[in-house]
């Protein structure tokens, strides 16, 4: 493969708010293409449709497993709590 073709496949970079070079298309493909990622996203969308949280709120999976959509495992919480909870779980594992 020629260098020109390889560079075109990677796509042009853009700068984010901090000025760092990013290739958003390549990052999206890398982070969202595995079978597990697709299943997790599908399950999250199912939970979101089931609970229909108001604006500014999110669906929270209490056990941390996005594929477990049992009613007892789902709750509606603020976005800040949902993000902080994931960070707390990751810190505990270390």
PDB file of N, CA and C in Angstrom:
ATOM      1  N   UNK A   1       0.856  -1.175   0.000  1.00  0.00           N
ATOM      2  CA  UNK A   1       0.000   0.000   0.000  1.00  0.00           C
ATOM      3  C   UNK A   1       0.898   1.232   0.000  1.00  0.00           C
ATOM      4  N   UNK A   2       0.565   2.178  -0.825  1.00  0.00           N
ATOM      5  CA  UNK A   2       1.392   3.379  -0.914  1.00  0.00           C
ATOM      6  C   UNK A   2       1.180   4.273   0.308  1.00  0.00           C
ATOM      7  N   UNK A   3       2.136   5.147   0.564  1.00  0.00           N
ATOM      8  CA  UNK A   3       2.030   6.066   1.695  1.00  0.00           C
ATOM      9  C   UNK A   3       0.836   7.000   1.562  1.00  0.00           C
ATOM     10  N   UNK A   4       0.556   7.431   0.349  1.00  0.00           N
ATOM     11  CA  UNK A   4      -0.563   8.349   0.125  1.00  0.00           C
ATOM     12  C   UNK A   4      -1.879   7.667   0.473  1.00  0.00           C
ATOM     13  N   UNK A   5      -2.051   6.423   0.028  1.00  0.00           N
ATOM     14  CA  UNK A   5      -3.275   5.683   0.311  1.00  0.00           C
ATOM     15  C   UNK A   5      -3.399   5.401   1.804  1.00  0.00           C
ATOM     16  N   UNK A   6      -2.307   5.019   2.445  1.00  0.00           N
ATOM     17  CA  UNK A   6      -2.331   4.739   3.878  1.00  0.00           C
ATOM     18  C   UNK A   6      -2.709   5.986   4.671  1.00  0.00           C
ATOM     19  N   UNK A   7      -2.167   7.124   4.275  1.00  0.00           N
ATOM     20  CA  UNK A   7      -2.482   8.369   4.974  1.00  0.00           C
ATOM     21  C   UNK A   7      -3.947   8.748   4.781  1.00  0.00           C
ATOM     22  N   UNK A   8      -4.478   8.534   3.587  1.00  0.00           N
ATOM     23  CA  UNK A   8      -5.874   8.851   3.309  1.00  0.00           C
ATOM     24  C   UNK A   8      -6.803   7.967   4.130  1.00  0.00           C
ATOM     25  N   UNK A   9      -6.424   6.711   4.345  1.00  0.00           N
ATOM     26  CA  UNK A   9      -7.262   5.805   5.121  1.00  0.00           C
ATOM     27  C   UNK A   9      -7.306   6.210   6.586  1.00  0.00           C
ATOM     28  N   UNK A  10      -6.220   6.750   7.085  1.00  0.00           N
ATOM     29  CA  UNK A  10      -6.209   7.209   8.470  1.00  0.00           C
ATOM     30  C   UNK A  10      -7.073   8.445   8.632  1.00  0.00           C
ATOM     31  N   UNK A  11      -7.190   9.203   7.591  1.00  0.00           N
ATOM     32  CA  UNK A  11      -8.018  10.401   7.641  1.00  0.00           C
ATOM     33  C   UNK A  11      -7.260  11.595   8.173  1.00  0.00           C
ATOM     34  N   UNK A  12      -7.772  12.758   7.901  1.00  0.00           N
ATOM     35  CA  UNK A  12      -7.114  13.971   8.386  1.00  0.00           C
ATOM     36  C   UNK A  12      -7.309  14.118   9.892  1.00  0.00           C
ATOM     37  N   UNK A  13      -6.398  14.803  10.515  1.00  0.00           N
ATOM     38  CA  UNK A  13      -6.559  15.025  11.938  1.00  0.00           C
ATOM     39  C   UNK A  13      -7.242  16.372  12.159  1.00  0.00           C
ATOM     40  N   UNK A  14      -7.860  16.494  13.313  1.00  0.00           N
ATOM     41  CA  UNK A  14      -8.436  17.758  13.749  1.00  0.00           C
ATOM     42  C   UNK A  14      -7.882  18.034  15.126  1.00  0.00           C
ATOM     43  N   UNK A  15      -7.957  19.253  15.528  1.00  0.00           N
ATOM     44  CA  UNK A  15      -7.479  19.608  16.858  1.00  0.00           C
ATOM     45  C   UNK A  15      -8.663  19.700  17.816  1.00  0.00           C
ATOM     46  N   UNK A  16      -8.466  19.160  19.022  1.00  0.00           N
ATOM     47  CA  UNK A  16      -9.523  19.256  20.013  1.00  0.00           C
ATOM     48  C   UNK A  16      -9.401  20.593  20.744  1.00  0.00           C
ATOM     49  N   UNK A  17     -10.189  20.776  21.794  1.00  0.00           N
ATOM     50  CA  UNK A  17     -10.213  22.061  22.509  1.00  0.00           C
ATOM     51  C   UNK A  17      -8.870  22.414  23.141  1.00  0.00           C
ATOM     52  N   UNK A  18      -8.080  21.398  23.463  1.00  0.00           N
ATOM     53  CA  UNK A  18      -6.772  21.639  24.062  1.00  0.00           C
ATOM     54  C   UNK A  18      -5.678  21.822  23.026  1.00  0.00           C
ATOM     55  N   UNK A  19      -6.030  21.666  21.746  1.00  0.00           N
ATOM     56  CA  UNK A  19      -5.049  21.840  20.694  1.00  0.00           C
ATOM     57  C   UNK A  19      -4.321  20.572  20.290  1.00  0.00           C
ATOM     58  N   UNK A  20      -4.731  19.425  20.875  1.00  0.00           N
ATOM     59  CA  UNK A  20      -4.090  18.158  20.535  1.00  0.00           C
ATOM     60  C   UNK A  20      -4.609  17.651  19.198  1.00  0.00           C
ATOM     61  N   UNK A  21      -3.726  16.986  18.446  1.00  0.00           N
ATOM     62  CA  UNK A  21      -4.139  16.405  17.162  1.00  0.00           C
ATOM     63  C   UNK A  21      -4.948  15.141  17.424  1.00  0.00           C
ATOM     64  N   UNK A  22      -6.114  15.031  16.793  1.00  0.00           N
ATOM     65  CA  UNK A  22      -6.976  13.872  16.970  1.00  0.00           C
ATOM     66  C   UNK A  22      -7.465  13.380  15.620  1.00  0.00           C
ATOM     67  N   UNK A  23      -7.634  12.086  15.478  1.00  0.00           N
ATOM     68  CA  UNK A  23      -8.263  11.468  14.307  1.00  0.00           C
ATOM     69  C   UNK A  23      -9.546  10.819  14.812  1.00  0.00           C
ATOM     70  N   UNK A  24     -10.605  11.624  14.857  1.00  0.00           N
ATOM     71  CA  UNK A  24     -11.843  11.189  15.480  1.00  0.00           C
ATOM     72  C   UNK A  24     -12.457   9.966  14.801  1.00  0.00           C
ATOM     73  N   UNK A  25     -12.418   9.915  13.482  1.00  0.00           N
ATOM     74  CA  UNK A  25     -13.008   8.795  12.758  1.00  0.00           C
ATOM     75  C   UNK A  25     -12.293   7.490  13.104  1.00  0.00           C
ATOM     76  N   UNK A  26     -10.974   7.523  13.130  1.00  0.00           N
ATOM     77  CA  UNK A  26     -10.196   6.329  13.468  1.00  0.00           C
ATOM     78  C   UNK A  26     -10.418   5.934  14.928  1.00  0.00           C
ATOM     79  N   UNK A  27     -10.513   6.922  15.825  1.00  0.00           N
ATOM     80  CA  UNK A  27     -10.749   6.626  17.233  1.00  0.00           C
ATOM     81  C   UNK A  27     -12.117   5.983  17.428  1.00  0.00           C
ATOM     82  N   UNK A  28     -13.121   6.493  16.735  1.00  0.00           N
ATOM     83  CA  UNK A  28     -14.467   5.933  16.853  1.00  0.00           C
ATOM     84  C   UNK A  28     -14.472   4.489  16.369  1.00  0.00           C
ATOM     85  N   UNK A  29     -13.842   4.247  15.246  1.00  0.00           N
ATOM     86  CA  UNK A  29     -13.797   2.890  14.689  1.00  0.00           C
ATOM     87  C   UNK A  29     -13.076   1.950  15.646  1.00  0.00           C
ATOM     88  N   UNK A  30     -11.993   2.401  16.240  1.00  0.00           N
ATOM     89  CA  UNK A  30     -11.223   1.580  17.170  1.00  0.00           C
ATOM     90  C   UNK A  30     -12.028   1.260  18.437  1.00  0.00           C
ATOM     91  N   UNK A  31     -12.756   2.244  18.944  1.00  0.00           N
ATOM     92  CA  UNK A  31     -13.425   2.100  20.234  1.00  0.00           C
ATOM     93  C   UNK A  31     -14.840   1.549  20.156  1.00  0.00           C
ATOM     94  N   UNK A  32     -15.435   1.462  18.968  1.00  0.00           N
ATOM     95  CA  UNK A  32     -16.842   1.059  18.875  1.00  0.00           C
ATOM     96  C   UNK A  32     -17.102  -0.082  17.908  1.00  0.00           C
ATOM     97  N   UNK A  33     -16.090  -0.804  17.496  1.00  0.00           N
ATOM     98  CA  UNK A  33     -16.304  -1.791  16.449  1.00  0.00           C
ATOM     99  C   UNK A  33     -16.356  -3.240  16.938  1.00  0.00           C
ATOM    100  N   UNK A  34     -15.965  -3.518  18.177  1.00  0.00           N
ATOM    101  CA  UNK A  34     -15.969  -4.909  18.619  1.00  0.00           C
ATOM    102  C   UNK A  34     -17.397  -5.390  18.886  1.00  0.00           C
ATOM    103  N   UNK A  35     -17.596  -6.668  18.859  1.00  0.00           N
ATOM    104  CA  UNK A  35     -18.924  -7.254  19.062  1.00  0.00           C
ATOM    105  C   UNK A  35     -19.458  -6.904  20.453  1.00  0.00           C
ATOM    106  N   UNK A  36     -18.596  -6.959  21.471  1.00  0.00           N
ATOM    107  CA  UNK A  36     -19.029  -6.642  22.833  1.00  0.00           C
ATOM    108  C   UNK A  36     -19.464  -5.182  22.941  1.00  0.00           C
ATOM    109  N   UNK A  37     -18.726  -4.270  22.314  1.00  0.00           N
ATOM    110  CA  UNK A  37     -19.103  -2.858  22.346  1.00  0.00           C
ATOM    111  C   UNK A  37     -20.489  -2.652  21.737  1.00  0.00           C
ATOM    112  N   UNK A  38     -20.756  -3.346  20.634  1.00  0.00           N
ATOM    113  CA  UNK A  38     -22.061  -3.218  19.976  1.00  0.00           C
ATOM    114  C   UNK A  38     -23.177  -3.785  20.851  1.00  0.00           C
ATOM    115  N   UNK A  39     -22.926  -4.905  21.522  1.00  0.00           N
ATOM    116  CA  UNK A  39     -23.927  -5.477  22.416  1.00  0.00           C
ATOM    117  C   UNK A  39     -24.191  -4.557  23.607  1.00  0.00           C
ATOM    118  N   UNK A  40     -23.138  -3.998  24.176  1.00  0.00           N
ATOM    119  CA  UNK A  40     -23.298  -3.077  25.301  1.00  0.00           C
ATOM    120  C   UNK A  40     -24.104  -1.854  24.891  1.00  0.00           C
ATOM    121  N   UNK A  41     -23.789  -1.299  23.728  1.00  0.00           N
ATOM    122  CA  UNK A  41     -24.506  -0.115  23.254  1.00  0.00           C
ATOM    123  C   UNK A  41     -25.979  -0.433  23.015  1.00  0.00           C
ATOM    124  N   UNK A  42     -26.249  -1.587  22.443  1.00  0.00           N
ATOM    125  CA  UNK A  42     -27.623  -2.015  22.193  1.00  0.00           C
ATOM    126  C   UNK A  42     -28.394  -2.166  23.505  1.00  0.00           C
ATOM    127  N   UNK A  43     -27.748  -2.765  24.507  1.00  0.00           N
ATOM    128  CA  UNK A  43     -28.400  -2.953  25.800  1.00  0.00           C
ATOM    129  C   UNK A  43     -28.659  -1.623  26.489  1.00  0.00           C
ATOM    130  N   UNK A  44     -27.719  -0.697  26.377  1.00  0.00           N
ATOM    131  CA  UNK A  44     -27.924   0.630  26.968  1.00  0.00           C
ATOM    132  C   UNK A  44     -29.100   1.330  26.313  1.00  0.00           C
ATOM    133  N   UNK A  45     -29.199   1.216  24.994  1.00  0.00           N
ATOM    134  CA  UNK A  45     -30.318   1.846  24.287  1.00  0.00           C
ATOM    135  C   UNK A  45     -31.646   1.221  24.686  1.00  0.00           C
ATOM    136  N   UNK A  46     -31.665  -0.086  24.908  1.00  0.00           N
ATOM    137  CA  UNK A  46     -32.880  -0.763  25.358  1.00  0.00           C
ATOM    138  C   UNK A  46     -33.299  -0.248  26.730  1.00  0.00           C
ATOM    139  N   UNK A  47     -32.346  -0.134  27.642  1.00  0.00           N
ATOM    140  CA  UNK A  47     -32.636   0.373  28.988  1.00  0.00           C
ATOM    141  C   UNK A  47     -33.121   1.812  28.925  1.00  0.00           C
ATOM    142  N   UNK A  48     -32.493   2.612  28.071  1.00  0.00           N
ATOM    143  CA  UNK A  48     -32.883   4.013  27.923  1.00  0.00           C
ATOM    144  C   UNK A  48     -34.320   4.126  27.416  1.00  0.00           C
ATOM    145  N   UNK A  49     -34.688   3.275  26.465  1.00  0.00           N
ATOM    146  CA  UNK A  49     -36.051   3.295  25.925  1.00  0.00           C
ATOM    147  C   UNK A  49     -37.056   2.820  26.969  1.00  0.00           C
ATOM    148  N   UNK A  50     -36.659   1.866  27.792  1.00  0.00           N
ATOM    149  CA  UNK A  50     -37.566   1.314  28.802  1.00  0.00           C
ATOM    150  C   UNK A  50     -37.868   2.333  29.905  1.00  0.00           C
ATOM    151  N   UNK A  51     -36.843   3.040  30.377  1.00  0.00           N
ATOM    152  CA  UNK A  51     -37.030   3.970  31.494  1.00  0.00           C
ATOM    153  C   UNK A  51     -37.362   5.392  31.063  1.00  0.00           C
ATOM    154  N   UNK A  52     -36.923   5.780  29.881  1.00  0.00           N
ATOM    155  CA  UNK A  52     -37.161   7.120  29.351  1.00  0.00           C
ATOM    156  C   UNK A  52     -36.827   8.210  30.382  1.00  0.00           C
ATOM    157  N   UNK A  53     -35.553   8.342  30.734  1.00  0.00           N
ATOM    158  CA  UNK A  53     -35.172   9.324  31.760  1.00  0.00           C
ATOM    159  C   UNK A  53     -35.377  10.755  31.272  1.00  0.00           C
ATOM    160  N   UNK A  54     -35.702  11.682  32.190  1.00  0.00           N
ATOM    161  CA  UNK A  54     -35.864  13.086  31.798  1.00  0.00           C
ATOM    162  C   UNK A  54     -34.526  13.698  31.385  1.00  0.00           C
ATOM    163  N   UNK A  55     -34.591  14.864  30.793  1.00  0.00           N
ATOM    164  CA  UNK A  55     -33.384  15.544  30.334  1.00  0.00           C
ATOM    165  C   UNK A  55     -32.437  15.800  31.510  1.00  0.00           C
ATOM    166  N   UNK A  56     -31.160  15.523  31.303  1.00  0.00           N
ATOM    167  CA  UNK A  56     -30.160  15.720  32.345  1.00  0.00           C
ATOM    168  C   UNK A  56     -29.972  14.505  33.239  1.00  0.00           C
ATOM    169  N   UNK A  57     -30.776  13.466  33.056  1.00  0.00           N
ATOM    170  CA  UNK A  57     -30.663  12.238  33.841  1.00  0.00           C
ATOM    171  C   UNK A  57     -30.248  11.097  32.931  1.00  0.00           C
ATOM    172  N   UNK A  58     -29.697  10.047  33.520  1.00  0.00           N
ATOM    173  CA  UNK A  58     -29.234   8.885  32.763  1.00  0.00           C
ATOM    174  C   UNK A  58     -29.688   7.608  33.430  1.00  0.00           C
ATOM    175  N   UNK A  59     -29.679   6.525  32.666  1.00  0.00           N
ATOM    176  CA  UNK A  59     -29.967   5.205  33.209  1.00  0.00           C
ATOM    177  C   UNK A  59     -28.700   4.677  33.866  1.00  0.00           C
ATOM    178  N   UNK A  60     -28.841   4.185  35.079  1.00  0.00           N
ATOM    179  CA  UNK A  60     -27.706   3.661  35.839  1.00  0.00           C
ATOM    180  C   UNK A  60     -27.893   2.166  36.026  1.00  0.00           C
ATOM    181  N   UNK A  61     -26.885   1.371  35.640  1.00  0.00           N
ATOM    182  CA  UNK A  61     -26.892  -0.067  35.875  1.00  0.00           C
ATOM    183  C   UNK A  61     -26.184  -0.292  37.208  1.00  0.00           C
ATOM    184  N   UNK A  62     -26.919  -0.705  38.199  1.00  0.00           N
ATOM    185  CA  UNK A  62     -26.398  -0.783  39.559  1.00  0.00           C
ATOM    186  C   UNK A  62     -25.222  -1.744  39.700  1.00  0.00           C
ATOM    187  N   UNK A  63     -25.234  -2.834  38.930  1.00  0.00           N
ATOM    188  CA  UNK A  63     -24.132  -3.791  39.040  1.00  0.00           C
ATOM    189  C   UNK A  63     -22.986  -3.471  38.082  1.00  0.00           C
ATOM    190  N   UNK A  64     -23.117  -2.419  37.287  1.00  0.00           N
ATOM    191  CA  UNK A  64     -22.050  -2.016  36.375  1.00  0.00           C
ATOM    192  C   UNK A  64     -22.030  -2.776  35.064  1.00  0.00           C
ATOM    193  N   UNK A  65     -22.963  -3.715  34.864  1.00  0.00           N
ATOM    194  CA  UNK A  65     -23.022  -4.510  33.645  1.00  0.00           C
ATOM    195  C   UNK A  65     -24.085  -3.923  32.716  1.00  0.00           C
ATOM    196  N   UNK A  66     -23.685  -3.292  31.604  1.00  0.00           N
ATOM    197  CA  UNK A  66     -24.669  -2.655  30.730  1.00  0.00           C
ATOM    198  C   UNK A  66     -25.583  -3.643  30.011  1.00  0.00           C
ATOM    199  N   UNK A  67     -25.248  -4.940  30.044  1.00  0.00           N
ATOM    200  CA  UNK A  67     -26.104  -5.926  29.384  1.00  0.00           C
ATOM    201  C   UNK A  67     -27.169  -6.490  30.320  1.00  0.00           C
ATOM    202  N   UNK A  68     -27.114  -6.155  31.601  1.00  0.00           N
ATOM    203  CA  UNK A  68     -28.100  -6.633  32.566  1.00  0.00           C
ATOM    204  C   UNK A  68     -29.217  -5.594  32.688  1.00  0.00           C
ATOM    205  N   UNK A  69     -30.309  -5.810  31.957  1.00  0.00           N
ATOM    206  CA  UNK A  69     -31.416  -4.850  31.952  1.00  0.00           C
ATOM    207  C   UNK A  69     -32.596  -5.298  32.802  1.00  0.00           C
ATOM    208  N   UNK A  70     -32.334  -6.057  33.860  1.00  0.00           N
ATOM    209  CA  UNK A  70     -33.403  -6.421  34.775  1.00  0.00           C
ATOM    210  C   UNK A  70     -33.909  -5.169  35.470  1.00  0.00           C
ATOM    211  N   UNK A  71     -35.221  -5.047  35.679  1.00  0.00           N
ATOM    212  CA  UNK A  71     -35.763  -3.832  36.299  1.00  0.00           C
ATOM    213  C   UNK A  71     -35.132  -3.494  37.645  1.00  0.00           C
ATOM    214  N   UNK A  72     -34.765  -4.504  38.431  1.00  0.00           N
ATOM    215  CA  UNK A  72     -34.140  -4.249  39.732  1.00  0.00           C
ATOM    216  C   UNK A  72     -32.723  -3.716  39.630  1.00  0.00           C
ATOM    217  N   UNK A  73     -32.116  -3.837  38.465  1.00  0.00           N
ATOM    218  CA  UNK A  73     -30.743  -3.388  38.271  1.00  0.00           C
ATOM    219  C   UNK A  73     -30.671  -1.980  37.681  1.00  0.00           C
ATOM    220  N   UNK A  74     -31.792  -1.445  37.245  1.00  0.00           N
ATOM    221  CA  UNK A  74     -31.795  -0.143  36.573  1.00  0.00           C
ATOM    222  C   UNK A  74     -32.308   0.955  37.489  1.00  0.00           C
ATOM    223  N   UNK A  75     -31.757   2.133  37.318  1.00  0.00           N
ATOM    224  CA  UNK A  75     -32.222   3.296  38.043  1.00  0.00           C
ATOM    225  C   UNK A  75     -31.945   4.543  37.229  1.00  0.00           C
ATOM    226  N   UNK A  76     -32.619   5.631  37.572  1.00  0.00           N
ATOM    227  CA  UNK A  76     -32.400   6.904  36.898  1.00  0.00           C
ATOM    228  C   UNK A  76     -31.647   7.808  37.866  1.00  0.00           C
ATOM    229  N   UNK A  77     -30.479   8.287  37.448  1.00  0.00           N
ATOM    230  CA  UNK A  77     -29.638   9.127  38.296  1.00  0.00           C
ATOM    231  C   UNK A  77     -29.131  10.315  37.484  1.00  0.00           C
ATOM    232  N   UNK A  78     -28.527  11.266  38.177  1.00  0.00           N
ATOM    233  CA  UNK A  78     -27.956  12.418  37.479  1.00  0.00           C
ATOM    234  C   UNK A  78     -26.721  11.976  36.691  1.00  0.00           C
ATOM    235  N   UNK A  79     -26.376  12.741  35.689  1.00  0.00           N
ATOM    236  CA  UNK A  79     -25.216  12.429  34.856  1.00  0.00           C
ATOM    237  C   UNK A  79     -23.935  12.443  35.688  1.00  0.00           C
ATOM    238  N   UNK A  80     -23.808  13.417  36.579  1.00  0.00           N
ATOM    239  CA  UNK A  80     -22.575  13.515  37.379  1.00  0.00           C
ATOM    240  C   UNK A  80     -22.423  12.310  38.297  1.00  0.00           C
ATOM    241  N   UNK A  81     -23.517  11.835  38.894  1.00  0.00           N
ATOM    242  CA  UNK A  81     -23.433  10.655  39.753  1.00  0.00           C
ATOM    243  C   UNK A  81     -23.033   9.427  38.943  1.00  0.00           C
ATOM    244  N   UNK A  82     -23.629   9.266  37.773  1.00  0.00           N
ATOM    245  CA  UNK A  82     -23.355   8.101  36.941  1.00  0.00           C
ATOM    246  C   UNK A  82     -21.886   8.049  36.530  1.00  0.00           C
ATOM    247  N   UNK A  83     -21.309   9.198  36.176  1.00  0.00           N
ATOM    248  CA  UNK A  83     -19.895   9.242  35.789  1.00  0.00           C
ATOM    249  C   UNK A  83     -19.001   8.969  37.000  1.00  0.00           C
ATOM    250  N   UNK A  84     -19.334   9.572  38.132  1.00  0.00           N
ATOM    251  CA  UNK A  84     -18.517   9.399  39.332  1.00  0.00           C
ATOM    252  C   UNK A  84     -18.566   7.963  39.831  1.00  0.00           C
ATOM    253  N   UNK A  85     -19.706   7.309  39.717  1.00  0.00           N
ATOM    254  CA  UNK A  85     -19.849   5.919  40.169  1.00  0.00           C
ATOM    255  C   UNK A  85     -18.917   4.988  39.398  1.00  0.00           C
ATOM    256  N   UNK A  86     -18.814   5.179  38.097  1.00  0.00           N
ATOM    257  CA  UNK A  86     -17.907   4.364  37.289  1.00  0.00           C
ATOM    258  C   UNK A  86     -16.462   4.555  37.706  1.00  0.00           C
ATOM    259  N   UNK A  87     -16.093   5.792  38.008  1.00  0.00           N
ATOM    260  CA  UNK A  87     -14.726   6.060  38.466  1.00  0.00           C
ATOM    261  C   UNK A  87     -14.464   5.407  39.814  1.00  0.00           C
ATOM    262  N   UNK A  88     -15.463   5.435  40.722  1.00  0.00           N
ATOM    263  CA  UNK A  88     -15.304   4.793  42.019  1.00  0.00           C
ATOM    264  C   UNK A  88     -15.077   3.293  41.870  1.00  0.00           C
ATOM    265  N   UNK A  89     -15.828   2.656  40.981  1.00  0.00           N
ATOM    266  CA  UNK A  89     -15.670   1.212  40.767  1.00  0.00           C
ATOM    267  C   UNK A  89     -14.273   0.888  40.252  1.00  0.00           C
ATOM    268  N   UNK A  90     -13.777   1.697  39.330  1.00  0.00           N
ATOM    269  CA  UNK A  90     -12.446   1.442  38.772  1.00  0.00           C
ATOM    270  C   UNK A  90     -11.367   1.622  39.836  1.00  0.00           C
ATOM    271  N   UNK A  91     -11.527   2.595  40.710  1.00  0.00           N
ATOM    272  CA  UNK A  91     -10.539   2.814  41.768  1.00  0.00           C
ATOM    273  C   UNK A  91     -10.505   1.646  42.754  1.00  0.00           C
ATOM    274  N   UNK A  92     -11.674   1.055  43.057  1.00  0.00           N
ATOM    275  CA  UNK A  92     -11.733  -0.051  44.006  1.00  0.00           C
ATOM    276  C   UNK A  92     -10.998  -1.281  43.502  1.00  0.00           C
ATOM    277  N   UNK A  93     -11.023  -1.507  42.173  1.00  0.00           N
ATOM    278  CA  UNK A  93     -10.405  -2.695  41.596  1.00  0.00           C
ATOM    279  C   UNK A  93      -8.895  -2.698  41.742  1.00  0.00           C
ATOM    280  N   UNK A  94      -8.289  -1.551  41.855  1.00  0.00           N
ATOM    281  CA  UNK A  94      -6.815  -1.466  41.886  1.00  0.00           C
ATOM    282  C   UNK A  94      -6.234  -2.017  43.133  1.00  0.00           C
TER     283      UNK A  94
END
